[in-house]
Amino acid sequence: MAEAVANVARRINATVEDGSDCLDLSNCKLISFPDGVFKVLRSVSENIHVITLADNEMKSISGKFFATFTQLRELDVQGNVLTKLPDAVGEMEHLTSINLANNKFSIFPAKLTEIPTLERINLEGNCITEIPMEILSAMPALKWINIKWNPLDKDTLSAVQSPHNFDILSTDEA
């Protein structure tokens, strides 16, 4: 445990010292985003555009996370145990890519459809049965969505087959 905490501290300090726009806390055994990180990164949070929290054990992300990192462009939280996102994610004005693959989502995170800049959504390997294709079609920037390896219902599978103004990666039904 102490080694994991030291690893997180090293990575955060490196981000601050280097003036980096990326924060990589992947594979750190995190169960949540550490509160102390908000304090340490307060002075540079506006400069952070990419955050990777992949392959941890995170069950949730707080609204405070999105309120702190308002300039975030890319968020990678694949390989956690997330089941939902806070409403605050819908207020991310600069987010272009979100990777939610291999989590525990059973419901499509609807607040994602409120992000006007969102281009890429990766939901591969979750437990989602319904995808709001009509609403996704109205998203101005959406270019790509990955919904492979989700137990999609018949209506969604049918809707996926229709033409859309964005690319869809889905599991072929054989």
C-alpha atoms as a PDB file:
ATOM      1  CA  MET A   1       0.000   0.000   0.000  1.00  0.00           C
ATOM      2  CA  ALA A   2       2.771   2.438   0.908  1.00  0.00           C
ATOM      3  CA  GLU A   3       4.442   1.698  -2.418  1.00  0.00           C
ATOM      4  CA  ALA A   4       1.224   2.544  -4.285  1.00  0.00           C
ATOM      5  CA  VAL A   5       0.875   5.860  -2.418  1.00  0.00           C
ATOM      6  CA  ALA A   6       4.514   6.714  -3.151  1.00  0.00           C
ATOM      7  CA  ASN A   7       3.962   5.894  -6.833  1.00  0.00           C
ATOM      8  CA  VAL A   8       0.961   8.262  -7.016  1.00  0.00           C
ATOM      9  CA  ALA A   9       2.926  11.006  -5.244  1.00  0.00           C
ATOM     10  CA  ARG A  10       5.880  10.604  -7.647  1.00  0.00           C
ATOM     11  CA  ARG A  11       3.640  10.839 -10.698  1.00  0.00           C
ATOM     12  CA  ILE A  12       1.793  13.895  -9.396  1.00  0.00           C
ATOM     13  CA  ASN A  13       5.018  15.673  -8.476  1.00  0.00           C
ATOM     14  CA  ALA A  14       6.476  14.914 -11.907  1.00  0.00           C
ATOM     15  CA  THR A  15       3.372  16.397 -13.570  1.00  0.00           C
ATOM     16  CA  VAL A  16       3.651  19.583 -11.508  1.00  0.00           C
ATOM     17  CA  GLU A  17       7.429  19.944 -11.836  1.00  0.00           C
ATOM     18  CA  ASP A  18       7.467  19.262 -15.585  1.00  0.00           C
ATOM     19  CA  GLY A  19       4.506  21.541 -16.252  1.00  0.00           C
ATOM     20  CA  SER A  20       2.993  18.626 -18.139  1.00  0.00           C
ATOM     21  CA  ASP A  21      -0.526  18.735 -19.561  1.00  0.00           C
ATOM     22  CA  CYS A  22      -0.901  14.984 -18.856  1.00  0.00           C
ATOM     23  CA  LEU A  23      -1.529  13.200 -15.573  1.00  0.00           C
ATOM     24  CA  ASP A  24      -1.078   9.435 -15.678  1.00  0.00           C
ATOM     25  CA  LEU A  25      -2.301   7.573 -12.606  1.00  0.00           C
ATOM     26  CA  SER A  26      -2.942   4.273 -14.369  1.00  0.00           C
ATOM     27  CA  ASN A  27      -2.200   1.012 -12.543  1.00  0.00           C
ATOM     28  CA  CYS A  28      -1.975   2.715  -9.137  1.00  0.00           C
ATOM     29  CA  LYS A  29      -4.533   0.563  -7.281  1.00  0.00           C
ATOM     30  CA  LEU A  30      -6.775   3.602  -6.764  1.00  0.00           C
ATOM     31  CA  ILE A  31     -10.324   3.037  -5.524  1.00  0.00           C
ATOM     32  CA  SER A  32     -11.139   6.737  -5.967  1.00  0.00           C
ATOM     33  CA  PHE A  33      -9.403   9.917  -7.094  1.00  0.00           C
ATOM     34  CA  PRO A  34      -7.376  10.968  -4.033  1.00  0.00           C
ATOM     35  CA  ASP A  35      -8.643  14.153  -2.357  1.00  0.00           C
ATOM     36  CA  GLY A  36      -5.088  15.281  -1.652  1.00  0.00           C
ATOM     37  CA  VAL A  37      -4.408  15.411  -5.391  1.00  0.00           C
ATOM     38  CA  PHE A  38      -6.903  18.261  -5.786  1.00  0.00           C
ATOM     39  CA  LYS A  39      -4.858  20.381  -3.380  1.00  0.00           C
ATOM     40  CA  VAL A  40      -1.498  19.549  -4.946  1.00  0.00           C
ATOM     41  CA  LEU A  41      -2.726  20.211  -8.486  1.00  0.00           C
ATOM     42  CA  ARG A  42      -4.863  23.276  -7.688  1.00  0.00           C
ATOM     43  CA  SER A  43      -2.344  25.678  -9.232  1.00  0.00           C
ATOM     44  CA  VAL A  44      -1.901  23.630 -12.440  1.00  0.00           C
ATOM     45  CA  SER A  45      -5.332  22.007 -12.907  1.00  0.00           C
ATOM     46  CA  GLU A  46      -6.224  24.396 -15.759  1.00  0.00           C
ATOM     47  CA  ASN A  47      -3.136  23.192 -17.673  1.00  0.00           C
ATOM     48  CA  ILE A  48      -4.010  19.492 -17.473  1.00  0.00           C
ATOM     49  CA  HIS A  49      -5.675  18.306 -20.680  1.00  0.00           C
ATOM     50  CA  VAL A  50      -5.219  14.520 -20.489  1.00  0.00           C
ATOM     51  CA  ILE A  51      -5.846  12.287 -17.473  1.00  0.00           C
ATOM     52  CA  THR A  52      -5.342   8.532 -17.440  1.00  0.00           C
ATOM     53  CA  LEU A  53      -6.814   6.585 -14.545  1.00  0.00           C
ATOM     54  CA  ALA A  54      -6.902   3.272 -16.398  1.00  0.00           C
ATOM     55  CA  ASP A  55      -6.586  -0.128 -14.772  1.00  0.00           C
ATOM     56  CA  ASN A  56      -7.299   0.865 -11.199  1.00  0.00           C
ATOM     57  CA  GLU A  57     -10.148  -0.259  -8.926  1.00  0.00           C
ATOM     58  CA  MET A  58     -12.191   2.937  -9.046  1.00  0.00           C
ATOM     59  CA  LYS A  59     -15.891   2.593  -8.236  1.00  0.00           C
ATOM     60  CA  SER A  60     -16.765   6.243  -8.833  1.00  0.00           C
ATOM     61  CA  ILE A  61     -15.520   9.631  -9.970  1.00  0.00           C
ATOM     62  CA  SER A  62     -16.752  12.674  -8.079  1.00  0.00           C
ATOM     63  CA  GLY A  63     -18.305  15.813  -9.489  1.00  0.00           C
ATOM     64  CA  LYS A  64     -15.385  17.630  -7.857  1.00  0.00           C
ATOM     65  CA  PHE A  65     -13.050  15.877 -10.315  1.00  0.00           C
ATOM     66  CA  PHE A  66     -14.832  17.414 -13.310  1.00  0.00           C
ATOM     67  CA  ALA A  67     -15.209  20.795 -11.581  1.00  0.00           C
ATOM     68  CA  THR A  68     -11.444  20.860 -10.944  1.00  0.00           C
ATOM     69  CA  PHE A  69     -10.172  19.738 -14.348  1.00  0.00           C
ATOM     70  CA  THR A  70     -12.334  22.021 -16.492  1.00  0.00           C
ATOM     71  CA  GLN A  71      -9.881  22.100 -19.411  1.00  0.00           C
ATOM     72  CA  LEU A  72      -9.775  18.319 -19.747  1.00  0.00           C
ATOM     73  CA  ARG A  73      -9.676  17.120 -23.382  1.00  0.00           C
ATOM     74  CA  GLU A  74      -9.145  13.372 -22.871  1.00  0.00           C
ATOM     75  CA  LEU A  75     -10.122  11.071 -20.019  1.00  0.00           C
ATOM     76  CA  ASP A  76      -9.164   7.400 -19.882  1.00  0.00           C
ATOM     77  CA  VAL A  77     -10.774   5.392 -17.083  1.00  0.00           C
ATOM     78  CA  GLN A  78     -10.840   1.999 -18.782  1.00  0.00           C
ATOM     79  CA  GLY A  79     -10.422  -1.115 -16.693  1.00  0.00           C
ATOM     80  CA  ASN A  80     -12.066   0.103 -13.486  1.00  0.00           C
ATOM     81  CA  VAL A  81     -15.401  -0.836 -11.868  1.00  0.00           C
ATOM     82  CA  LEU A  82     -17.354   2.333 -12.645  1.00  0.00           C
ATOM     83  CA  THR A  83     -21.138   2.033 -12.952  1.00  0.00           C
ATOM     84  CA  LYS A  84     -21.999   5.692 -13.538  1.00  0.00           C
ATOM     85  CA  LEU A  85     -20.601   9.174 -14.060  1.00  0.00           C
ATOM     86  CA  PRO A  86     -21.581  12.280 -12.094  1.00  0.00           C
ATOM     87  CA  ASP A  87     -23.864  14.841 -13.754  1.00  0.00           C
ATOM     88  CA  ALA A  88     -20.932  17.276 -13.821  1.00  0.00           C
ATOM     89  CA  VAL A  89     -19.424  15.364 -16.758  1.00  0.00           C
ATOM     90  CA  GLY A  90     -22.065  17.005 -18.955  1.00  0.00           C
ATOM     91  CA  GLU A  91     -20.507  20.397 -18.239  1.00  0.00           C
ATOM     92  CA  MET A  92     -17.105  19.530 -19.721  1.00  0.00           C
ATOM     93  CA  GLU A  93     -16.759  22.101 -22.488  1.00  0.00           C
ATOM     94  CA  HIS A  94     -13.463  20.835 -23.948  1.00  0.00           C
ATOM     95  CA  LEU A  95     -13.682  17.043 -23.589  1.00  0.00           C
ATOM     96  CA  THR A  96     -13.109  15.347 -26.952  1.00  0.00           C
ATOM     97  CA  SER A  97     -12.431  11.739 -25.929  1.00  0.00           C
ATOM     98  CA  ILE A  98     -13.598   9.503 -23.092  1.00  0.00           C
ATOM     99  CA  ASN A  99     -12.562   5.883 -22.636  1.00  0.00           C
ATOM    100  CA  LEU A 100     -14.970   3.981 -20.387  1.00  0.00           C
ATOM    101  CA  ALA A 101     -14.106   0.504 -21.724  1.00  0.00           C
ATOM    102  CA  ASN A 102     -14.128  -2.526 -19.454  1.00  0.00           C
ATOM    103  CA  ASN A 103     -16.052  -1.038 -16.557  1.00  0.00           C
ATOM    104  CA  LYS A 104     -19.439  -2.045 -15.108  1.00  0.00           C
ATOM    105  CA  PHE A 105     -21.821   0.388 -16.844  1.00  0.00           C
ATOM    106  CA  SER A 106     -25.275  -1.121 -17.383  1.00  0.00           C
ATOM    107  CA  ILE A 107     -26.871   2.146 -18.508  1.00  0.00           C
ATOM    108  CA  PHE A 108     -25.471   4.470 -21.177  1.00  0.00           C
ATOM    109  CA  PRO A 109     -24.090   7.582 -19.389  1.00  0.00           C
ATOM    110  CA  ALA A 110     -26.634  10.032 -20.829  1.00  0.00           C
ATOM    111  CA  LYS A 111     -24.786  13.153 -19.662  1.00  0.00           C
ATOM    112  CA  LEU A 112     -22.150  12.402 -22.315  1.00  0.00           C
ATOM    113  CA  THR A 113     -24.650  13.530 -24.948  1.00  0.00           C
ATOM    114  CA  GLU A 114     -24.559  17.049 -23.442  1.00  0.00           C
ATOM    115  CA  ILE A 115     -20.863  17.548 -24.242  1.00  0.00           C
ATOM    116  CA  PRO A 116     -20.747  19.498 -27.527  1.00  0.00           C
ATOM    117  CA  THR A 117     -17.045  18.810 -28.185  1.00  0.00           C
ATOM    118  CA  LEU A 118     -17.107  15.036 -27.597  1.00  0.00           C
ATOM    119  CA  GLU A 119     -15.709  13.169 -30.624  1.00  0.00           C
ATOM    120  CA  ARG A 120     -14.873   9.707 -29.288  1.00  0.00           C
ATOM    121  CA  ILE A 121     -16.711   7.479 -26.790  1.00  0.00           C
ATOM    122  CA  ASN A 122     -15.348   4.040 -25.930  1.00  0.00           C
ATOM    123  CA  LEU A 123     -17.822   1.833 -24.044  1.00  0.00           C
ATOM    124  CA  GLU A 124     -16.417  -1.540 -25.103  1.00  0.00           C
ATOM    125  CA  GLY A 125     -16.822  -4.388 -22.635  1.00  0.00           C
ATOM    126  CA  ASN A 126     -19.535  -3.029 -20.361  1.00  0.00           C
ATOM    127  CA  CYS A 127     -23.049  -4.355 -19.624  1.00  0.00           C
ATOM    128  CA  ILE A 128     -25.063  -1.798 -21.582  1.00  0.00           C
ATOM    129  CA  THR A 129     -28.211  -3.023 -23.346  1.00  0.00           C
ATOM    130  CA  GLU A 130     -29.516   0.245 -24.834  1.00  0.00           C
ATOM    131  CA  ILE A 131     -27.651   2.990 -26.695  1.00  0.00           C
ATOM    132  CA  PRO A 132     -29.569   6.219 -27.517  1.00  0.00           C
ATOM    133  CA  MET A 133     -28.609   6.260 -31.210  1.00  0.00           C
ATOM    134  CA  GLU A 134     -31.031   9.067 -32.071  1.00  0.00           C
ATOM    135  CA  ILE A 135     -29.571  11.352 -29.403  1.00  0.00           C
ATOM    136  CA  LEU A 136     -26.016  10.409 -30.373  1.00  0.00           C
ATOM    137  CA  SER A 137     -26.827  11.354 -33.973  1.00  0.00           C
ATOM    138  CA  ALA A 138     -27.608  14.885 -32.764  1.00  0.00           C
ATOM    139  CA  MET A 139     -24.188  15.303 -31.124  1.00  0.00           C
ATOM    140  CA  PRO A 140     -22.360  17.854 -33.276  1.00  0.00           C
ATOM    141  CA  ALA A 141     -18.778  16.609 -32.887  1.00  0.00           C
ATOM    142  CA  LEU A 142     -19.240  12.836 -32.447  1.00  0.00           C
ATOM    143  CA  LYS A 143     -17.065  10.890 -34.902  1.00  0.00           C
ATOM    144  CA  TRP A 144     -16.703   7.473 -33.281  1.00  0.00           C
ATOM    145  CA  ILE A 145     -18.282   5.226 -30.671  1.00  0.00           C
ATOM    146  CA  ASN A 146     -17.149   1.761 -29.630  1.00  0.00           C
ATOM    147  CA  ILE A 147     -19.932  -0.410 -28.214  1.00  0.00           C
ATOM    148  CA  LYS A 148     -18.316  -3.821 -28.776  1.00  0.00           C
ATOM    149  CA  TRP A 149     -18.926  -6.557 -26.229  1.00  0.00           C
ATOM    150  CA  ASN A 150     -22.078  -5.106 -24.679  1.00  0.00           C
ATOM    151  CA  PRO A 151     -25.307  -7.177 -24.444  1.00  0.00           C
ATOM    152  CA  LEU A 152     -27.250  -4.805 -26.717  1.00  0.00           C
ATOM    153  CA  ASP A 153     -31.006  -5.333 -27.065  1.00  0.00           C
ATOM    154  CA  LYS A 154     -32.687  -5.985 -30.437  1.00  0.00           C
ATOM    155  CA  ASP A 155     -33.833  -2.376 -30.914  1.00  0.00           C
ATOM    156  CA  THR A 156     -30.325  -1.053 -30.371  1.00  0.00           C
ATOM    157  CA  LEU A 157     -28.815  -3.690 -32.658  1.00  0.00           C
ATOM    158  CA  SER A 158     -31.288  -2.658 -35.335  1.00  0.00           C
ATOM    159  CA  ALA A 159     -30.536   1.049 -34.844  1.00  0.00           C
ATOM    160  CA  VAL A 160     -26.800   0.371 -35.074  1.00  0.00           C
ATOM    161  CA  GLN A 161     -27.304  -1.070 -38.563  1.00  0.00           C
ATOM    162  CA  SER A 162     -28.806   2.195 -39.851  1.00  0.00           C
ATOM    163  CA  PRO A 163     -26.500   4.821 -41.381  1.00  0.00           C
ATOM    164  CA  HIS A 164     -25.133   7.436 -38.983  1.00  0.00           C
ATOM    165  CA  ASN A 165     -22.913  10.491 -39.268  1.00  0.00           C
ATOM    166  CA  PHE A 166     -20.305   8.825 -37.024  1.00  0.00           C
ATOM    167  CA  ASP A 167     -18.474   5.479 -37.037  1.00  0.00           C
ATOM    168  CA  ILE A 168     -19.764   2.671 -34.829  1.00  0.00           C
ATOM    169  CA  LEU A 169     -17.650  -0.245 -33.684  1.00  0.00           C
ATOM    170  CA  SER A 170     -19.902  -3.063 -32.574  1.00  0.00           C
ATOM    171  CA  THR A 171     -19.699  -6.803 -32.146  1.00  0.00           C
ATOM    172  CA  ASP A 172     -20.922  -8.588 -35.269  1.00  0.00           C
ATOM    173  CA  GLU A 173     -23.920 -10.761 -34.590  1.00  0.00           C
ATOM    174  CA  ALA A 174     -23.314 -14.062 -36.368  1.00  0.00           C
END
